Amino acid sequence: MKKTLIVQYTPRIDSNTKKLVDSFVEYAQDKTEITFLDLTKNTPDLLLEENLNLYVQRNFGGVELTEEQSQILAKNDEYVAQILAADYIVLATPMYNFTLPATVKAWFDAIVQAGVTFTKTTEGLKGLCENKEALLLMTSGTDFSIEPYSAVDFATPLVKTIFGLIGIPSQKVTAFGTQQYADKLTTFIENAEAKVKEAATNWYS
């Protein structure tokens, strides 16, 4: 059975993003082995002085870390192991202030590891996470699918770019404008849920 990793950041009460996650799980739970990563409970470390320098020494300098030093990077390595073990990755997150919540960006910073999820070649950067696919589930109170807001949607291109860097093609299902057009919220969510089901069907059929 194919393995699916669901990474979610849905801390808000009555989260619209979580509704999309629940819709995916309801449809896919009997078709794939699911692992859940809740970033509100298993929160990534920010790249600060200690862990960043250890990462650079290990992944770029080839330095062998001590057991104590390796433990500092253990959470990052656990996230990477989850990615490498999965056939499909679902990332569920709202958009905050035109981009990703800091917690979600920290997760991406943890899994982008030189020599493990990507490498440098004479032709440029090459992703090492082969034979995987990703799906972004994203909601926002503002409709970033239309101008003038589409020009400042830095979230969905960032997700596509980072997944692409590590070798994973991705698609997205969005429900934008949930506050801007509050009277259409139910329709927006139902339309997004239908697209979620379609994406899952394509994966597991």
C-alpha atoms as a PDB file:
ATOM      1  CA  MET A   1       0.000   0.000   0.000  1.00  0.00           C
ATOM      2  CA  LYS A   2       1.269   3.470  -0.894  1.00  0.00           C
ATOM      3  CA  LYS A   3       2.297   5.724   1.984  1.00  0.00           C
ATOM      4  CA  THR A   4       1.018   9.265   2.469  1.00  0.00           C
ATOM      5  CA  LEU A   5       2.434  11.900   4.804  1.00  0.00           C
ATOM      6  CA  ILE A   6      -0.001  14.619   5.880  1.00  0.00           C
ATOM      7  CA  VAL A   7       1.735  17.707   7.233  1.00  0.00           C
ATOM      8  CA  GLN A   8      -0.720  20.177   8.683  1.00  0.00           C
ATOM      9  CA  TYR A   9      -0.670  23.547  10.366  1.00  0.00           C
ATOM     10  CA  THR A  10      -4.268  24.192  11.363  1.00  0.00           C
ATOM     11  CA  PRO A  11      -4.271  25.861  14.797  1.00  0.00           C
ATOM     12  CA  ARG A  12      -7.342  28.047  14.357  1.00  0.00           C
ATOM     13  CA  ILE A  13     -10.637  26.924  15.886  1.00  0.00           C
ATOM     14  CA  ASP A  14     -13.012  25.876  13.091  1.00  0.00           C
ATOM     15  CA  SER A  15     -10.113  25.996  10.633  1.00  0.00           C
ATOM     16  CA  ASN A  16     -11.160  25.992   6.986  1.00  0.00           C
ATOM     17  CA  THR A  17      -7.850  24.383   6.090  1.00  0.00           C
ATOM     18  CA  LYS A  18      -8.571  21.500   8.445  1.00  0.00           C
ATOM     19  CA  LYS A  19     -11.888  20.958   6.669  1.00  0.00           C
ATOM     20  CA  LEU A  20      -9.910  20.226   3.509  1.00  0.00           C
ATOM     21  CA  VAL A  21      -7.593  17.880   5.406  1.00  0.00           C
ATOM     22  CA  ASP A  22     -10.565  16.031   6.873  1.00  0.00           C
ATOM     23  CA  SER A  23     -12.080  15.704   3.424  1.00  0.00           C
ATOM     24  CA  PHE A  24      -8.854  14.196   2.084  1.00  0.00           C
ATOM     25  CA  VAL A  25      -8.565  11.751   4.980  1.00  0.00           C
ATOM     26  CA  GLU A  26     -12.201  10.687   4.707  1.00  0.00           C
ATOM     27  CA  TYR A  27     -11.707   9.738   1.075  1.00  0.00           C
ATOM     28  CA  ALA A  28      -8.167   8.335   1.228  1.00  0.00           C
ATOM     29  CA  GLN A  29      -7.924   6.559   4.576  1.00  0.00           C
ATOM     30  CA  ASP A  30      -8.757   3.125   3.164  1.00  0.00           C
ATOM     31  CA  LYS A  31      -6.565   3.573   0.105  1.00  0.00           C
ATOM     32  CA  THR A  32      -3.212   4.511   1.641  1.00  0.00           C
ATOM     33  CA  GLU A  33      -1.172   4.234   4.815  1.00  0.00           C
ATOM     34  CA  ILE A  34      -1.300   7.695   6.398  1.00  0.00           C
ATOM     35  CA  THR A  35       1.228   9.303   8.725  1.00  0.00           C
ATOM     36  CA  PHE A  36       0.236  12.591  10.343  1.00  0.00           C
ATOM     37  CA  LEU A  37       2.601  15.406  11.272  1.00  0.00           C
ATOM     38  CA  ASP A  38       0.878  18.175  13.210  1.00  0.00           C
ATOM     39  CA  LEU A  39       3.213  21.170  13.177  1.00  0.00           C
ATOM     40  CA  THR A  40       1.348  22.796  16.054  1.00  0.00           C
ATOM     41  CA  LYS A  41       2.323  19.884  18.300  1.00  0.00           C
ATOM     42  CA  ASN A  42       5.600  18.771  16.727  1.00  0.00           C
ATOM     43  CA  THR A  43       6.946  22.227  16.001  1.00  0.00           C
ATOM     44  CA  PRO A  44      10.089  22.667  13.889  1.00  0.00           C
ATOM     45  CA  ASP A  45      13.097  24.442  15.347  1.00  0.00           C
ATOM     46  CA  LEU A  46      13.987  27.789  13.844  1.00  0.00           C
ATOM     47  CA  LEU A  47      17.398  27.929  12.201  1.00  0.00           C
ATOM     48  CA  LEU A  48      19.410  29.685  14.886  1.00  0.00           C
ATOM     49  CA  GLU A  49      23.112  29.880  15.642  1.00  0.00           C
ATOM     50  CA  GLU A  50      23.676  26.426  17.104  1.00  0.00           C
ATOM     51  CA  ASN A  51      21.637  24.210  14.790  1.00  0.00           C
ATOM     52  CA  LEU A  52      22.328  26.225  11.638  1.00  0.00           C
ATOM     53  CA  ASN A  53      26.088  26.028  12.054  1.00  0.00           C
ATOM     54  CA  LEU A  54      25.947  22.322  12.806  1.00  0.00           C
ATOM     55  CA  TYR A  55      23.875  21.774   9.668  1.00  0.00           C
ATOM     56  CA  VAL A  56      26.359  23.730   7.544  1.00  0.00           C
ATOM     57  CA  GLN A  57      29.307  21.839   9.023  1.00  0.00           C
ATOM     58  CA  ARG A  58      27.671  18.447   8.470  1.00  0.00           C
ATOM     59  CA  ASN A  59      25.840  18.862   5.172  1.00  0.00           C
ATOM     60  CA  PHE A  60      28.217  21.203   3.369  1.00  0.00           C
ATOM     61  CA  GLY A  61      31.533  20.661   5.157  1.00  0.00           C
ATOM     62  CA  GLY A  62      31.428  16.895   5.605  1.00  0.00           C
ATOM     63  CA  VAL A  63      32.155  17.236   9.305  1.00  0.00           C
ATOM     64  CA  GLU A  64      31.200  14.205  11.399  1.00  0.00           C
ATOM     65  CA  LEU A  65      29.166  15.444  14.358  1.00  0.00           C
ATOM     66  CA  THR A  66      29.308  14.071  17.851  1.00  0.00           C
ATOM     67  CA  GLU A  67      26.314  12.177  19.172  1.00  0.00           C
ATOM     68  CA  GLU A  68      25.360  15.218  21.250  1.00  0.00           C
ATOM     69  CA  GLN A  69      25.591  17.516  18.230  1.00  0.00           C
ATOM     70  CA  SER A  70      23.629  15.109  16.052  1.00  0.00           C
ATOM     71  CA  GLN A  71      20.871  15.114  18.636  1.00  0.00           C
ATOM     72  CA  ILE A  72      20.411  18.835  18.071  1.00  0.00           C
ATOM     73  CA  LEU A  73      19.538  18.084  14.440  1.00  0.00           C
ATOM     74  CA  ALA A  74      17.519  14.960  15.253  1.00  0.00           C
ATOM     75  CA  LYS A  75      14.121  16.598  14.768  1.00  0.00           C
ATOM     76  CA  ASN A  76      15.125  17.875  11.326  1.00  0.00           C
ATOM     77  CA  ASP A  77      16.376  14.427  10.376  1.00  0.00           C
ATOM     78  CA  GLU A  78      13.117  12.871  11.562  1.00  0.00           C
ATOM     79  CA  TYR A  79      11.166  15.162   9.241  1.00  0.00           C
ATOM     80  CA  VAL A  80      13.439  14.182   6.357  1.00  0.00           C
ATOM     81  CA  ALA A  81      12.966  10.485   7.110  1.00  0.00           C
ATOM     82  CA  GLN A  82       9.196  10.991   6.927  1.00  0.00           C
ATOM     83  CA  ILE A  83       9.514  12.621   3.513  1.00  0.00           C
ATOM     84  CA  LEU A  84      11.793   9.901   2.182  1.00  0.00           C
ATOM     85  CA  ALA A  85       9.466   7.157   3.424  1.00  0.00           C
ATOM     86  CA  ALA A  86       6.357   8.650   1.793  1.00  0.00           C
ATOM     87  CA  ASP A  87       5.033   8.228  -1.729  1.00  0.00           C
ATOM     88  CA  TYR A  88       2.708  11.221  -1.385  1.00  0.00           C
ATOM     89  CA  ILE A  89       2.906  14.362   0.746  1.00  0.00           C
ATOM     90  CA  VAL A  90      -0.081  16.538   1.614  1.00  0.00           C
ATOM     91  CA  LEU A  91       0.765  19.941   3.068  1.00  0.00           C
ATOM     92  CA  ALA A  92      -2.186  21.786   4.616  1.00  0.00           C
ATOM     93  CA  THR A  93      -1.716  25.368   5.715  1.00  0.00           C
ATOM     94  CA  PRO A  94      -3.437  28.736   5.575  1.00  0.00           C
ATOM     95  CA  MET A  95      -1.755  31.761   4.040  1.00  0.00           C
ATOM     96  CA  TYR A  96      -0.590  34.378   6.552  1.00  0.00           C
ATOM     97  CA  ASN A  97       0.341  37.893   5.445  1.00  0.00           C
ATOM     98  CA  PHE A  98       0.931  36.917   1.805  1.00  0.00           C
ATOM     99  CA  THR A  99       3.152  33.934   2.593  1.00  0.00           C
ATOM    100  CA  LEU A 100       3.601  30.804   4.697  1.00  0.00           C
ATOM    101  CA  PRO A 101       3.225  30.791   8.470  1.00  0.00           C
ATOM    102  CA  ALA A 102       6.658  30.826  10.101  1.00  0.00           C
ATOM    103  CA  THR A 103       6.102  27.328  11.487  1.00  0.00           C
ATOM    104  CA  VAL A 104       5.529  25.895   8.006  1.00  0.00           C
ATOM    105  CA  LYS A 105       8.557  27.709   6.586  1.00  0.00           C
ATOM    106  CA  ALA A 106      10.625  26.260   9.446  1.00  0.00           C
ATOM    107  CA  TRP A 107       9.493  22.765   8.410  1.00  0.00           C
ATOM    108  CA  PHE A 108      10.643  23.425   4.863  1.00  0.00           C
ATOM    109  CA  ASP A 109      13.968  24.730   6.199  1.00  0.00           C
ATOM    110  CA  ALA A 110      14.323  21.461   8.131  1.00  0.00           C
ATOM    111  CA  ILE A 111      13.712  19.157   5.152  1.00  0.00           C
ATOM    112  CA  VAL A 112      15.837  21.015   2.613  1.00  0.00           C
ATOM    113  CA  GLN A 113      19.093  19.228   3.386  1.00  0.00           C
ATOM    114  CA  ALA A 114      22.101  19.268   1.104  1.00  0.00           C
ATOM    115  CA  GLY A 115      23.240  15.788   0.194  1.00  0.00           C
ATOM    116  CA  VAL A 116      20.008  14.239   1.452  1.00  0.00           C
ATOM    117  CA  THR A 117      17.007  15.851  -0.241  1.00  0.00           C
ATOM    118  CA  PHE A 118      18.920  17.842  -2.863  1.00  0.00           C
ATOM    119  CA  THR A 119      22.423  18.061  -4.254  1.00  0.00           C
ATOM    120  CA  LYS A 120      24.546  20.267  -6.451  1.00  0.00           C
ATOM    121  CA  THR A 121      25.649  19.000  -9.854  1.00  0.00           C
ATOM    122  CA  THR A 122      27.597  20.531 -12.707  1.00  0.00           C
ATOM    123  CA  GLU A 123      24.262  21.378 -14.265  1.00  0.00           C
ATOM    124  CA  GLY A 124      22.788  22.992 -11.149  1.00  0.00           C
ATOM    125  CA  LEU A 125      20.658  21.815  -8.254  1.00  0.00           C
ATOM    126  CA  LYS A 126      19.046  18.373  -8.356  1.00  0.00           C
ATOM    127  CA  GLY A 127      16.291  17.041  -6.116  1.00  0.00           C
ATOM    128  CA  LEU A 128      16.896  13.643  -4.533  1.00  0.00           C
ATOM    129  CA  CYS A 129      13.315  12.854  -3.450  1.00  0.00           C
ATOM    130  CA  GLU A 130      12.299  10.816  -6.460  1.00  0.00           C
ATOM    131  CA  ASN A 131       9.012   9.100  -7.323  1.00  0.00           C
ATOM    132  CA  LYS A 132       6.916  11.232  -4.985  1.00  0.00           C
ATOM    133  CA  GLU A 133       4.117  13.751  -5.452  1.00  0.00           C
ATOM    134  CA  ALA A 134       2.847  16.547  -3.262  1.00  0.00           C
ATOM    135  CA  LEU A 135      -0.474  18.314  -2.799  1.00  0.00           C
ATOM    136  CA  LEU A 136      -0.867  21.725  -1.184  1.00  0.00           C
ATOM    137  CA  LEU A 137      -4.156  22.472   0.571  1.00  0.00           C
ATOM    138  CA  MET A 138      -4.342  26.192   1.302  1.00  0.00           C
ATOM    139  CA  THR A 139      -7.009  28.636   2.433  1.00  0.00           C
ATOM    140  CA  SER A 140      -7.034  32.396   2.835  1.00  0.00           C
ATOM    141  CA  GLY A 141      -9.541  35.028   3.868  1.00  0.00           C
ATOM    142  CA  THR A 142      -8.586  37.132   0.835  1.00  0.00           C
ATOM    143  CA  ASP A 143      -8.976  35.989  -2.760  1.00  0.00           C
ATOM    144  CA  PHE A 144      -5.389  35.713  -3.982  1.00  0.00           C
ATOM    145  CA  SER A 145      -6.461  34.161  -7.267  1.00  0.00           C
ATOM    146  CA  ILE A 146      -7.364  37.562  -8.743  1.00  0.00           C
ATOM    147  CA  GLU A 147      -5.668  40.917  -9.146  1.00  0.00           C
ATOM    148  CA  PRO A 148      -4.444  42.936  -7.389  1.00  0.00           C
ATOM    149  CA  TYR A 149      -3.879  40.243  -4.766  1.00  0.00           C
ATOM    150  CA  SER A 150      -2.527  37.498  -7.031  1.00  0.00           C
ATOM    151  CA  ALA A 151       0.632  39.560  -7.511  1.00  0.00           C
ATOM    152  CA  VAL A 152       1.395  39.288  -3.798  1.00  0.00           C
ATOM    153  CA  ASP A 153       0.659  35.585  -3.371  1.00  0.00           C
ATOM    154  CA  PHE A 154       4.135  34.556  -2.302  1.00  0.00           C
ATOM    155  CA  ALA A 155       2.899  31.400  -0.571  1.00  0.00           C
ATOM    156  CA  THR A 156       1.827  29.045  -3.359  1.00  0.00           C
ATOM    157  CA  PRO A 157       4.852  29.751  -5.614  1.00  0.00           C
ATOM    158  CA  LEU A 158       7.164  29.252  -2.632  1.00  0.00           C
ATOM    159  CA  VAL A 159       5.666  25.845  -1.854  1.00  0.00           C
ATOM    160  CA  LYS A 160       5.957  24.741  -5.487  1.00  0.00           C
ATOM    161  CA  THR A 161       9.546  25.995  -5.691  1.00  0.00           C
ATOM    162  CA  ILE A 162      10.757  24.276  -2.521  1.00  0.00           C
ATOM    163  CA  PHE A 163       9.071  20.979  -3.317  1.00  0.00           C
ATOM    164  CA  GLY A 164      10.579  21.252  -6.796  1.00  0.00           C
ATOM    165  CA  LEU A 165      14.033  21.889  -5.331  1.00  0.00           C
ATOM    166  CA  ILE A 166      13.949  18.546  -3.536  1.00  0.00           C
ATOM    167  CA  GLY A 167      12.548  16.764  -6.591  1.00  0.00           C
ATOM    168  CA  ILE A 168       8.841  16.532  -5.781  1.00  0.00           C
ATOM    169  CA  PRO A 169       6.278  17.780  -8.329  1.00  0.00           C
ATOM    170  CA  SER A 170       3.304  19.416  -6.638  1.00  0.00           C
ATOM    171  CA  GLN A 171      -0.217  20.604  -7.295  1.00  0.00           C
ATOM    172  CA  LYS A 172      -2.524  22.769  -5.230  1.00  0.00           C
ATOM    173  CA  VAL A 173      -6.118  23.041  -4.086  1.00  0.00           C
ATOM    174  CA  THR A 174      -7.035  26.430  -2.665  1.00  0.00           C
ATOM    175  CA  ALA A 175     -10.050  28.034  -1.069  1.00  0.00           C
ATOM    176  CA  PHE A 176      -9.342  31.757  -1.245  1.00  0.00           C
ATOM    177  CA  GLY A 177     -11.644  34.641  -0.291  1.00  0.00           C
ATOM    178  CA  THR A 178     -13.330  32.915   2.657  1.00  0.00           C
ATOM    179  CA  GLN A 179     -13.657  36.193   4.561  1.00  0.00           C
ATOM    180  CA  GLN A 180     -13.705  38.553   1.603  1.00  0.00           C
ATOM    181  CA  TYR A 181     -16.789  36.751   0.313  1.00  0.00           C
ATOM    182  CA  ALA A 182     -18.049  35.304   3.583  1.00  0.00           C
ATOM    183  CA  ASP A 183     -21.494  34.625   2.130  1.00  0.00           C
ATOM    184  CA  LYS A 184     -19.889  32.174  -0.315  1.00  0.00           C
ATOM    185  CA  LEU A 185     -17.808  30.310   2.269  1.00  0.00           C
ATOM    186  CA  THR A 186     -19.782  27.071   2.050  1.00  0.00           C
ATOM    187  CA  THR A 187     -19.532  27.057  -1.735  1.00  0.00           C
ATOM    188  CA  PHE A 188     -15.797  27.740  -1.662  1.00  0.00           C
ATOM    189  CA  ILE A 189     -15.160  24.880   0.751  1.00  0.00           C
ATOM    190  CA  GLU A 190     -17.399  22.446  -1.125  1.00  0.00           C
ATOM    191  CA  ASN A 191     -15.686  23.276  -4.428  1.00  0.00           C
ATOM    192  CA  ALA A 192     -12.269  22.786  -2.843  1.00  0.00           C
ATOM    193  CA  GLU A 193     -13.340  19.500  -1.263  1.00  0.00           C
ATOM    194  CA  ALA A 194     -14.418  18.233  -4.681  1.00  0.00           C
ATOM    195  CA  LYS A 195     -10.961  19.080  -6.052  1.00  0.00           C
ATOM    196  CA  VAL A 196      -9.330  17.355  -3.081  1.00  0.00           C
ATOM    197  CA  LYS A 197     -11.278  14.198  -3.857  1.00  0.00           C
ATOM    198  CA  GLU A 198     -10.293  14.444  -7.517  1.00  0.00           C
ATOM    199  CA  ALA A 199      -6.611  14.757  -6.609  1.00  0.00           C
ATOM    200  CA  ALA A 200      -6.833  11.790  -4.242  1.00  0.00           C
ATOM    201  CA  THR A 201      -8.621   9.738  -6.870  1.00  0.00           C
ATOM    202  CA  ASN A 202      -5.842  10.393  -9.346  1.00  0.00           C
ATOM    203  CA  TRP A 203      -3.252   9.335  -6.795  1.00  0.00           C
ATOM    204  CA  TYR A 204      -4.834   6.138  -5.558  1.00  0.00           C
ATOM    205  CA  SER A 205      -6.815   4.840  -8.517  1.00  0.00           C
END
